[in-house]
């Protein structure tokens, strides 16, 4: 069994996982992030991106070869 982290994955896989992470964060915390970004006058997409990247490191990647 091989254990990898996000940095060990190819660019296409990283992009796919980032998109999935953004959707996950948006569905769970979208309203809270939108309110936070408006309150602090931040770009919502940038806040979403930062939270999605943080979320990626919570995933466990497991590949069977």
N, C-alpha and C. Protein backbone atom coordinates (compact mmCIF):
# COMPACT_ATOMS: atom_id res chain seq x y z
N UNK A 1 0.84 -1.16 0.00
CA UNK A 1 0.00 0.00 0.00
C UNK A 1 0.89 1.24 0.00
N UNK A 2 0.49 2.24 -0.77
CA UNK A 2 1.26 3.47 -0.91
C UNK A 2 0.42 4.62 -0.37
N UNK A 3 1.02 5.44 0.47
CA UNK A 3 0.34 6.62 1.00
C UNK A 3 0.99 7.87 0.41
N UNK A 4 0.17 8.73 -0.17
CA UNK A 4 0.65 9.96 -0.79
C UNK A 4 -0.07 11.14 -0.17
N UNK A 5 0.53 12.31 -0.25
CA UNK A 5 -0.19 13.51 0.13
C UNK A 5 -0.49 14.30 -1.15
N UNK A 6 -1.16 15.40 -0.97
CA UNK A 6 -1.62 16.21 -2.11
C UNK A 6 -0.47 16.64 -3.02
N UNK A 7 0.67 16.97 -2.47
CA UNK A 7 1.81 17.45 -3.26
C UNK A 7 2.41 16.37 -4.15
N UNK A 8 2.19 15.11 -3.82
CA UNK A 8 2.76 14.03 -4.61
C UNK A 8 1.91 13.67 -5.83
N UNK A 9 0.78 14.29 -6.00
CA UNK A 9 -0.13 13.96 -7.09
C UNK A 9 0.16 14.81 -8.33
N UNK A 10 -0.21 14.29 -9.50
CA UNK A 10 0.02 15.06 -10.73
C UNK A 10 -0.92 16.26 -10.80
N UNK A 11 -0.63 17.19 -11.69
CA UNK A 11 -1.36 18.46 -11.77
C UNK A 11 -2.84 18.25 -12.07
N UNK A 12 -3.16 17.32 -12.95
CA UNK A 12 -4.55 17.06 -13.31
C UNK A 12 -5.34 16.56 -12.09
N UNK A 13 -4.75 15.65 -11.35
CA UNK A 13 -5.40 15.11 -10.16
C UNK A 13 -5.53 16.18 -9.09
N UNK A 14 -4.51 17.00 -8.92
CA UNK A 14 -4.58 18.09 -7.95
C UNK A 14 -5.73 19.05 -8.30
N UNK A 15 -5.86 19.38 -9.56
CA UNK A 15 -6.92 20.29 -9.98
C UNK A 15 -8.30 19.68 -9.75
N UNK A 16 -8.45 18.41 -10.06
CA UNK A 16 -9.73 17.72 -9.85
C UNK A 16 -10.08 17.69 -8.36
N UNK A 17 -9.09 17.39 -7.52
CA UNK A 17 -9.34 17.35 -6.08
C UNK A 17 -9.62 18.74 -5.51
N UNK A 18 -8.95 19.75 -6.05
CA UNK A 18 -9.20 21.12 -5.60
C UNK A 18 -10.64 21.53 -5.94
N UNK A 19 -11.10 21.18 -7.11
CA UNK A 19 -12.47 21.48 -7.52
C UNK A 19 -13.46 20.77 -6.60
N UNK A 20 -13.19 19.51 -6.31
CA UNK A 20 -14.06 18.74 -5.40
C UNK A 20 -14.04 19.35 -4.01
N UNK A 21 -12.88 19.77 -3.54
CA UNK A 21 -12.76 20.38 -2.23
C UNK A 21 -13.52 21.71 -2.17
N UNK A 22 -13.44 22.51 -3.24
CA UNK A 22 -14.19 23.77 -3.29
C UNK A 22 -15.68 23.51 -3.19
N UNK A 23 -16.16 22.53 -3.94
CA UNK A 23 -17.59 22.20 -3.89
C UNK A 23 -18.00 21.72 -2.50
N UNK A 24 -17.13 20.94 -1.87
CA UNK A 24 -17.39 20.44 -0.53
C UNK A 24 -17.47 21.59 0.47
N UNK A 25 -16.50 22.48 0.43
CA UNK A 25 -16.47 23.62 1.35
C UNK A 25 -17.66 24.55 1.09
N UNK A 26 -17.97 24.78 -0.18
CA UNK A 26 -19.07 25.66 -0.52
C UNK A 26 -20.40 25.11 -0.01
N UNK A 27 -20.59 23.80 -0.12
CA UNK A 27 -21.86 23.22 0.35
C UNK A 27 -21.95 23.21 1.87
N UNK A 28 -20.83 23.03 2.55
CA UNK A 28 -20.85 22.99 4.02
C UNK A 28 -20.83 24.37 4.66
N UNK A 29 -19.99 25.25 4.14
CA UNK A 29 -19.74 26.54 4.81
C UNK A 29 -19.94 27.75 3.90
N UNK A 30 -20.61 27.57 2.77
CA UNK A 30 -20.75 28.64 1.79
C UNK A 30 -21.34 29.92 2.34
N UNK A 31 -22.43 29.81 3.06
CA UNK A 31 -23.09 31.01 3.60
C UNK A 31 -22.21 31.71 4.63
N UNK A 32 -21.56 30.93 5.49
CA UNK A 32 -20.67 31.52 6.50
C UNK A 32 -19.48 32.20 5.86
N UNK A 33 -18.90 31.57 4.84
CA UNK A 33 -17.75 32.18 4.15
C UNK A 33 -18.16 33.45 3.41
N UNK A 34 -19.36 33.43 2.82
CA UNK A 34 -19.83 34.61 2.10
C UNK A 34 -20.03 35.77 3.08
N UNK A 35 -20.63 35.48 4.23
CA UNK A 35 -20.83 36.52 5.24
C UNK A 35 -19.49 37.04 5.76
N UNK A 36 -18.54 36.14 5.99
CA UNK A 36 -17.21 36.52 6.46
C UNK A 36 -16.51 37.41 5.44
N UNK A 37 -16.58 37.02 4.17
CA UNK A 37 -15.90 37.80 3.13
C UNK A 37 -16.54 39.18 2.96
N UNK A 38 -17.85 39.26 3.09
CA UNK A 38 -18.51 40.56 2.99
C UNK A 38 -18.18 41.44 4.20
N UNK A 39 -18.17 40.84 5.38
CA UNK A 39 -17.88 41.58 6.60
C UNK A 39 -16.47 42.16 6.60
N UNK A 40 -15.52 41.41 6.05
CA UNK A 40 -14.12 41.84 6.05
C UNK A 40 -13.68 42.38 4.68
N UNK A 41 -14.63 42.58 3.80
CA UNK A 41 -14.40 43.13 2.46
C UNK A 41 -13.32 42.35 1.71
N UNK A 42 -13.49 41.03 1.67
CA UNK A 42 -12.58 40.13 0.97
C UNK A 42 -13.29 39.52 -0.22
N UNK A 43 -12.51 39.06 -1.17
CA UNK A 43 -13.06 38.38 -2.34
C UNK A 43 -13.51 36.98 -1.93
N UNK A 44 -14.78 36.67 -2.17
CA UNK A 44 -15.33 35.37 -1.77
C UNK A 44 -14.59 34.21 -2.42
N UNK A 45 -14.26 34.33 -3.69
CA UNK A 45 -13.58 33.24 -4.40
C UNK A 45 -12.19 32.98 -3.81
N UNK A 46 -11.52 34.02 -3.38
CA UNK A 46 -10.19 33.87 -2.76
C UNK A 46 -10.30 33.18 -1.41
N UNK A 47 -11.29 33.58 -0.62
CA UNK A 47 -11.51 32.93 0.68
C UNK A 47 -11.87 31.47 0.47
N UNK A 48 -12.73 31.20 -0.51
CA UNK A 48 -13.13 29.83 -0.82
C UNK A 48 -11.92 29.00 -1.25
N UNK A 49 -11.07 29.57 -2.09
CA UNK A 49 -9.86 28.88 -2.55
C UNK A 49 -8.95 28.52 -1.36
N UNK A 50 -8.72 29.48 -0.48
CA UNK A 50 -7.85 29.24 0.68
C UNK A 50 -8.40 28.14 1.58
N UNK A 51 -9.70 28.16 1.81
CA UNK A 51 -10.31 27.13 2.65
C UNK A 51 -10.29 25.77 1.96
N UNK A 52 -10.45 25.76 0.65
CA UNK A 52 -10.41 24.50 -0.10
C UNK A 52 -9.02 23.88 -0.05
N UNK A 53 -7.99 24.69 -0.14
CA UNK A 53 -6.62 24.18 -0.05
C UNK A 53 -6.36 23.61 1.34
N UNK A 54 -6.81 24.32 2.37
CA UNK A 54 -6.65 23.79 3.73
C UNK A 54 -7.38 22.45 3.87
N UNK A 55 -8.54 22.37 3.27
CA UNK A 55 -9.34 21.16 3.35
C UNK A 55 -8.67 19.97 2.66
N UNK A 56 -7.90 20.23 1.61
CA UNK A 56 -7.22 19.16 0.87
C UNK A 56 -6.27 18.36 1.77
N UNK A 57 -5.68 19.02 2.72
CA UNK A 57 -4.72 18.34 3.58
C UNK A 57 -5.41 17.53 4.67
N UNK A 58 -6.74 17.60 4.74
CA UNK A 58 -7.50 16.74 5.65
C UNK A 58 -7.89 15.43 4.99
N UNK A 59 -7.81 15.37 3.67
CA UNK A 59 -8.14 14.15 2.95
C UNK A 59 -7.03 13.12 3.13
N UNK A 60 -7.40 11.87 3.13
CA UNK A 60 -6.41 10.79 3.13
C UNK A 60 -6.47 10.13 1.76
N UNK A 61 -5.32 10.02 1.13
CA UNK A 61 -5.23 9.46 -0.21
C UNK A 61 -4.68 8.04 -0.10
N UNK A 62 -5.38 7.12 -0.73
CA UNK A 62 -4.94 5.72 -0.66
C UNK A 62 -5.11 5.13 -2.06
N UNK A 63 -4.04 4.57 -2.57
CA UNK A 63 -4.05 3.99 -3.91
C UNK A 63 -3.63 2.54 -3.84
N UNK A 64 -4.33 1.71 -4.51
CA UNK A 64 -3.92 0.32 -4.65
C UNK A 64 -3.35 0.14 -6.06
N UNK A 65 -2.17 -0.39 -6.13
CA UNK A 65 -1.53 -0.57 -7.43
C UNK A 65 -1.42 -2.05 -7.75
